[in-house]
């Protein structure tokens, strides 16, 4: 039985979250597709919020 990949939009969201946690700008979004871009940016916003709430804003 083949292992099923996660939905592309879920992956985009997760990648955006990780990019924000690494301190990357939202301008580095790699997606051209509007739906994937929206998901990536949503994940980026959540990651940025977590990044600043965890007291990591001093590292920016």
PDB file of N, CA and C in Angstrom:
ATOM      1  N   UNK A   1       0.828  -1.170   0.000  1.00  0.00           N
ATOM      2  CA  UNK A   1       0.000   0.000   0.000  1.00  0.00           C
ATOM      3  C   UNK A   1       0.885   1.251   0.000  1.00  0.00           C
ATOM      4  N   UNK A   2       0.568   2.186  -0.876  1.00  0.00           N
ATOM      5  CA  UNK A   2       1.358   3.409  -0.971  1.00  0.00           C
ATOM      6  C   UNK A   2       1.063   4.340   0.198  1.00  0.00           C
ATOM      7  N   UNK A   3       2.097   5.028   0.615  1.00  0.00           N
ATOM      8  CA  UNK A   3       1.931   6.026   1.667  1.00  0.00           C
ATOM      9  C   UNK A   3       1.394   7.297   1.029  1.00  0.00           C
ATOM     10  N   UNK A   4       0.365   7.841   1.612  1.00  0.00           N
ATOM     11  CA  UNK A   4      -0.274   9.012   1.030  1.00  0.00           C
ATOM     12  C   UNK A   4       0.371  10.292   1.544  1.00  0.00           C
ATOM     13  N   UNK A   5       0.658  11.195   0.624  1.00  0.00           N
ATOM     14  CA  UNK A   5       1.226  12.485   1.001  1.00  0.00           C
ATOM     15  C   UNK A   5       0.142  13.384   1.582  1.00  0.00           C
ATOM     16  N   UNK A   6       0.579  14.318   2.400  1.00  0.00           N
ATOM     17  CA  UNK A   6      -0.378  15.278   2.926  1.00  0.00           C
ATOM     18  C   UNK A   6      -0.847  16.192   1.810  1.00  0.00           C
ATOM     19  N   UNK A   7      -1.973  16.789   2.021  1.00  0.00           N
ATOM     20  CA  UNK A   7      -2.548  17.733   1.088  1.00  0.00           C
ATOM     21  C   UNK A   7      -1.542  18.862   0.819  1.00  0.00           C
ATOM     22  N   UNK A   8      -1.450  19.306  -0.412  1.00  0.00           N
ATOM     23  CA  UNK A   8      -0.495  20.356  -0.775  1.00  0.00           C
ATOM     24  C   UNK A   8      -0.739  21.645  -0.008  1.00  0.00           C
ATOM     25  N   UNK A   9      -1.993  21.953   0.277  1.00  0.00           N
ATOM     26  CA  UNK A   9      -2.293  23.171   1.023  1.00  0.00           C
ATOM     27  C   UNK A   9      -1.861  23.041   2.480  1.00  0.00           C
ATOM     28  N   UNK A  10      -1.995  21.871   3.054  1.00  0.00           N
ATOM     29  CA  UNK A  10      -1.517  21.650   4.421  1.00  0.00           C
ATOM     30  C   UNK A  10      -0.004  21.788   4.482  1.00  0.00           C
ATOM     31  N   UNK A  11       0.658  21.259   3.469  1.00  0.00           N
ATOM     32  CA  UNK A  11       2.121  21.375   3.406  1.00  0.00           C
ATOM     33  C   UNK A  11       2.547  22.827   3.268  1.00  0.00           C
ATOM     34  N   UNK A  12       1.833  23.595   2.442  1.00  0.00           N
ATOM     35  CA  UNK A  12       2.158  25.008   2.261  1.00  0.00           C
ATOM     36  C   UNK A  12       2.014  25.757   3.590  1.00  0.00           C
ATOM     37  N   UNK A  13       0.942  25.444   4.327  1.00  0.00           N
ATOM     38  CA  UNK A  13       0.707  26.086   5.624  1.00  0.00           C
ATOM     39  C   UNK A  13       1.853  25.765   6.590  1.00  0.00           C
ATOM     40  N   UNK A  14       2.224  24.507   6.657  1.00  0.00           N
ATOM     41  CA  UNK A  14       3.298  24.080   7.557  1.00  0.00           C
ATOM     42  C   UNK A  14       4.628  24.714   7.180  1.00  0.00           C
ATOM     43  N   UNK A  15       4.903  24.789   5.885  1.00  0.00           N
ATOM     44  CA  UNK A  15       6.162  25.389   5.433  1.00  0.00           C
ATOM     45  C   UNK A  15       6.211  26.879   5.768  1.00  0.00           C
ATOM     46  N   UNK A  16       5.077  27.564   5.635  1.00  0.00           N
ATOM     47  CA  UNK A  16       5.007  28.971   6.005  1.00  0.00           C
ATOM     48  C   UNK A  16       5.241  29.162   7.491  1.00  0.00           C
ATOM     49  N   UNK A  17       4.664  28.295   8.303  1.00  0.00           N
ATOM     50  CA  UNK A  17       4.857  28.355   9.748  1.00  0.00           C
ATOM     51  C   UNK A  17       6.330  28.205  10.091  1.00  0.00           C
ATOM     52  N   UNK A  18       6.983  27.230   9.497  1.00  0.00           N
ATOM     53  CA  UNK A  18       8.399  26.987   9.768  1.00  0.00           C
ATOM     54  C   UNK A  18       9.271  28.139   9.281  1.00  0.00           C
ATOM     55  N   UNK A  19       8.910  28.730   8.168  1.00  0.00           N
ATOM     56  CA  UNK A  19       9.676  29.875   7.662  1.00  0.00           C
ATOM     57  C   UNK A  19       9.618  31.035   8.655  1.00  0.00           C
ATOM     58  N   UNK A  20       8.446  31.294   9.215  1.00  0.00           N
ATOM     59  CA  UNK A  20       8.302  32.373  10.194  1.00  0.00           C
ATOM     60  C   UNK A  20       9.076  32.058  11.466  1.00  0.00           C
ATOM     61  N   UNK A  21       9.057  30.813  11.890  1.00  0.00           N
ATOM     62  CA  UNK A  21       9.783  30.433  13.100  1.00  0.00           C
ATOM     63  C   UNK A  21      11.291  30.568  12.917  1.00  0.00           C
ATOM     64  N   UNK A  22      11.741  30.525  11.679  1.00  0.00           N
ATOM     65  CA  UNK A  22      13.158  30.710  11.392  1.00  0.00           C
ATOM     66  C   UNK A  22      13.498  32.173  11.158  1.00  0.00           C
ATOM     67  N   UNK A  23      12.491  33.035  11.283  1.00  0.00           N
ATOM     68  CA  UNK A  23      12.725  34.468  11.142  1.00  0.00           C
ATOM     69  C   UNK A  23      12.748  34.964   9.711  1.00  0.00           C
ATOM     70  N   UNK A  24      12.252  34.172   8.784  1.00  0.00           N
ATOM     71  CA  UNK A  24      12.252  34.583   7.381  1.00  0.00           C
ATOM     72  C   UNK A  24      11.112  35.554   7.099  1.00  0.00           C
ATOM     73  N   UNK A  25      11.306  36.383   6.114  1.00  0.00           N
ATOM     74  CA  UNK A  25      10.308  37.353   5.697  1.00  0.00           C
ATOM     75  C   UNK A  25       9.186  36.667   4.926  1.00  0.00           C
ATOM     76  N   UNK A  26       8.008  37.271   4.958  1.00  0.00           N
ATOM     77  CA  UNK A  26       6.898  36.698   4.181  1.00  0.00           C
ATOM     78  C   UNK A  26       7.118  36.870   2.685  1.00  0.00           C
ATOM     79  N   UNK A  27       8.083  37.689   2.322  1.00  0.00           N
ATOM     80  CA  UNK A  27       8.401  37.910   0.910  1.00  0.00           C
ATOM     81  C   UNK A  27       9.065  36.699   0.262  1.00  0.00           C
ATOM     82  N   UNK A  28       9.490  35.731   1.058  1.00  0.00           N
ATOM     83  CA  UNK A  28      10.158  34.548   0.494  1.00  0.00           C
ATOM     84  C   UNK A  28       9.176  33.445   0.125  1.00  0.00           C
ATOM     85  N   UNK A  29       7.890  33.751   0.141  1.00  0.00           N
ATOM     86  CA  UNK A  29       6.874  32.753  -0.206  1.00  0.00           C
ATOM     87  C   UNK A  29       7.166  32.175  -1.594  1.00  0.00           C
ATOM     88  N   UNK A  30       7.325  30.856  -1.701  1.00  0.00           N
ATOM     89  CA  UNK A  30       7.713  30.246  -2.968  1.00  0.00           C
ATOM     90  C   UNK A  30       6.546  29.928  -3.905  1.00  0.00           C
ATOM     91  N   UNK A  31       5.315  30.202  -3.497  1.00  0.00           N
ATOM     92  CA  UNK A  31       4.151  29.764  -4.259  1.00  0.00           C
ATOM     93  C   UNK A  31       3.621  30.842  -5.195  1.00  0.00           C
ATOM     94  N   UNK A  32       3.232  30.419  -6.390  1.00  0.00           N
ATOM     95  CA  UNK A  32       2.596  31.292  -7.368  1.00  0.00           C
ATOM     96  C   UNK A  32       1.081  31.116  -7.340  1.00  0.00           C
ATOM     97  N   UNK A  33       0.636  29.892  -7.062  1.00  0.00           N
ATOM     98  CA  UNK A  33      -0.794  29.579  -6.995  1.00  0.00           C
ATOM     99  C   UNK A  33      -1.408  30.344  -5.828  1.00  0.00           C
ATOM    100  N   UNK A  34      -2.510  31.057  -6.075  1.00  0.00           N
ATOM    101  CA  UNK A  34      -3.109  31.930  -5.070  1.00  0.00           C
ATOM    102  C   UNK A  34      -3.557  31.164  -3.834  1.00  0.00           C
ATOM    103  N   UNK A  35      -4.089  29.955  -4.005  1.00  0.00           N
ATOM    104  CA  UNK A  35      -4.572  29.178  -2.854  1.00  0.00           C
ATOM    105  C   UNK A  35      -3.405  28.716  -1.981  1.00  0.00           C
ATOM    106  N   UNK A  36      -2.370  28.230  -2.617  1.00  0.00           N
ATOM    107  CA  UNK A  36      -1.195  27.789  -1.867  1.00  0.00           C
ATOM    108  C   UNK A  36      -0.512  28.980  -1.206  1.00  0.00           C
ATOM    109  N   UNK A  37      -0.491  30.105  -1.895  1.00  0.00           N
ATOM    110  CA  UNK A  37       0.130  31.308  -1.333  1.00  0.00           C
ATOM    111  C   UNK A  37      -0.638  31.780  -0.100  1.00  0.00           C
ATOM    112  N   UNK A  38      -1.966  31.742  -0.164  1.00  0.00           N
ATOM    113  CA  UNK A  38      -2.783  32.141   0.987  1.00  0.00           C
ATOM    114  C   UNK A  38      -2.528  31.219   2.177  1.00  0.00           C
ATOM    115  N   UNK A  39      -2.427  29.934   1.926  1.00  0.00           N
ATOM    116  CA  UNK A  39      -2.160  28.983   3.009  1.00  0.00           C
ATOM    117  C   UNK A  39      -0.777  29.205   3.599  1.00  0.00           C
ATOM    118  N   UNK A  40       0.215  29.421   2.729  1.00  0.00           N
ATOM    119  CA  UNK A  40       1.577  29.657   3.194  1.00  0.00           C
ATOM    120  C   UNK A  40       1.621  30.906   4.069  1.00  0.00           C
ATOM    121  N   UNK A  41       0.972  31.979   3.619  1.00  0.00           N
ATOM    122  CA  UNK A  41       0.958  33.216   4.393  1.00  0.00           C
ATOM    123  C   UNK A  41       0.193  33.058   5.701  1.00  0.00           C
ATOM    124  N   UNK A  42      -0.873  32.267   5.698  1.00  0.00           N
ATOM    125  CA  UNK A  42      -1.592  31.981   6.937  1.00  0.00           C
ATOM    126  C   UNK A  42      -0.702  31.259   7.938  1.00  0.00           C
ATOM    127  N   UNK A  43       0.038  30.296   7.450  1.00  0.00           N
ATOM    128  CA  UNK A  43       0.992  29.591   8.309  1.00  0.00           C
ATOM    129  C   UNK A  43       2.095  30.511   8.776  1.00  0.00           C
ATOM    130  N   UNK A  44       2.534  31.397   7.888  1.00  0.00           N
ATOM    131  CA  UNK A  44       3.584  32.354   8.248  1.00  0.00           C
ATOM    132  C   UNK A  44       3.102  33.277   9.369  1.00  0.00           C
ATOM    133  N   UNK A  45       1.854  33.745   9.264  1.00  0.00           N
ATOM    134  CA  UNK A  45       1.303  34.625  10.307  1.00  0.00           C
ATOM    135  C   UNK A  45       1.233  33.909  11.656  1.00  0.00           C
ATOM    136  N   UNK A  46       0.771  32.655  11.629  1.00  0.00           N
ATOM    137  CA  UNK A  46       0.708  31.882  12.874  1.00  0.00           C
ATOM    138  C   UNK A  46       2.102  31.656  13.444  1.00  0.00           C
ATOM    139  N   UNK A  47       3.039  31.356  12.578  1.00  0.00           N
ATOM    140  CA  UNK A  47       4.411  31.142  13.022  1.00  0.00           C
ATOM    141  C   UNK A  47       5.038  32.409  13.567  1.00  0.00           C
ATOM    142  N   UNK A  48       4.751  33.533  12.946  1.00  0.00           N
ATOM    143  CA  UNK A  48       5.287  34.814  13.415  1.00  0.00           C
ATOM    144  C   UNK A  48       4.728  35.149  14.795  1.00  0.00           C
ATOM    145  N   UNK A  49       3.446  34.864  14.989  1.00  0.00           N
ATOM    146  CA  UNK A  49       2.817  35.106  16.290  1.00  0.00           C
ATOM    147  C   UNK A  49       3.464  34.229  17.362  1.00  0.00           C
ATOM    148  N   UNK A  50       3.668  32.963  17.038  1.00  0.00           N
ATOM    149  CA  UNK A  50       4.310  32.045  17.981  1.00  0.00           C
ATOM    150  C   UNK A  50       5.747  32.476  18.240  1.00  0.00           C
ATOM    151  N   UNK A  51       6.421  32.942  17.213  1.00  0.00           N
ATOM    152  CA  UNK A  51       7.810  33.386  17.310  1.00  0.00           C
ATOM    153  C   UNK A  51       7.926  34.543  18.294  1.00  0.00           C
ATOM    154  N   UNK A  52       7.014  35.512  18.201  1.00  0.00           N
ATOM    155  CA  UNK A  52       7.095  36.671  19.077  1.00  0.00           C
ATOM    156  C   UNK A  52       6.553  36.363  20.471  1.00  0.00           C
ATOM    157  N   UNK A  53       5.567  35.499  20.596  1.00  0.00           N
ATOM    158  CA  UNK A  53       5.012  35.159  21.902  1.00  0.00           C
ATOM    159  C   UNK A  53       5.990  34.341  22.743  1.00  0.00           C
ATOM    160  N   UNK A  54       6.856  33.619  22.115  1.00  0.00           N
ATOM    161  CA  UNK A  54       7.804  32.788  22.847  1.00  0.00           C
ATOM    162  C   UNK A  54       9.030  33.566  23.278  1.00  0.00           C
ATOM    163  N   UNK A  55       8.995  34.870  23.153  1.00  0.00           N
ATOM    164  CA  UNK A  55      10.113  35.681  23.587  1.00  0.00           C
ATOM    165  C   UNK A  55      11.308  35.609  22.663  1.00  0.00           C
ATOM    166  N   UNK A  56      11.095  35.164  21.444  1.00  0.00           N
ATOM    167  CA  UNK A  56      12.208  35.013  20.515  1.00  0.00           C
ATOM    168  C   UNK A  56      12.378  36.262  19.654  1.00  0.00           C
ATOM    169  N   UNK A  57      11.566  37.291  19.872  1.00  0.00           N
ATOM    170  CA  UNK A  57      11.659  38.484  19.048  1.00  0.00           C
ATOM    171  C   UNK A  57      12.986  39.214  19.225  1.00  0.00           C
ATOM    172  N   UNK A  58      13.694  38.907  20.294  1.00  0.00           N
ATOM    173  CA  UNK A  58      15.002  39.543  20.529  1.00  0.00           C
ATOM    174  C   UNK A  58      16.046  39.084  19.517  1.00  0.00           C
ATOM    175  N   UNK A  59      15.780  37.997  18.835  1.00  0.00           N
ATOM    176  CA  UNK A  59      16.757  37.441  17.895  1.00  0.00           C
ATOM    177  C   UNK A  59      16.584  37.959  16.478  1.00  0.00           C
ATOM    178  N   UNK A  60      15.586  38.791  16.245  1.00  0.00           N
ATOM    179  CA  UNK A  60      15.351  39.303  14.890  1.00  0.00           C
ATOM    180  C   UNK A  60      16.369  40.329  14.491  1.00  0.00           C
TER     181      UNK A  60
END
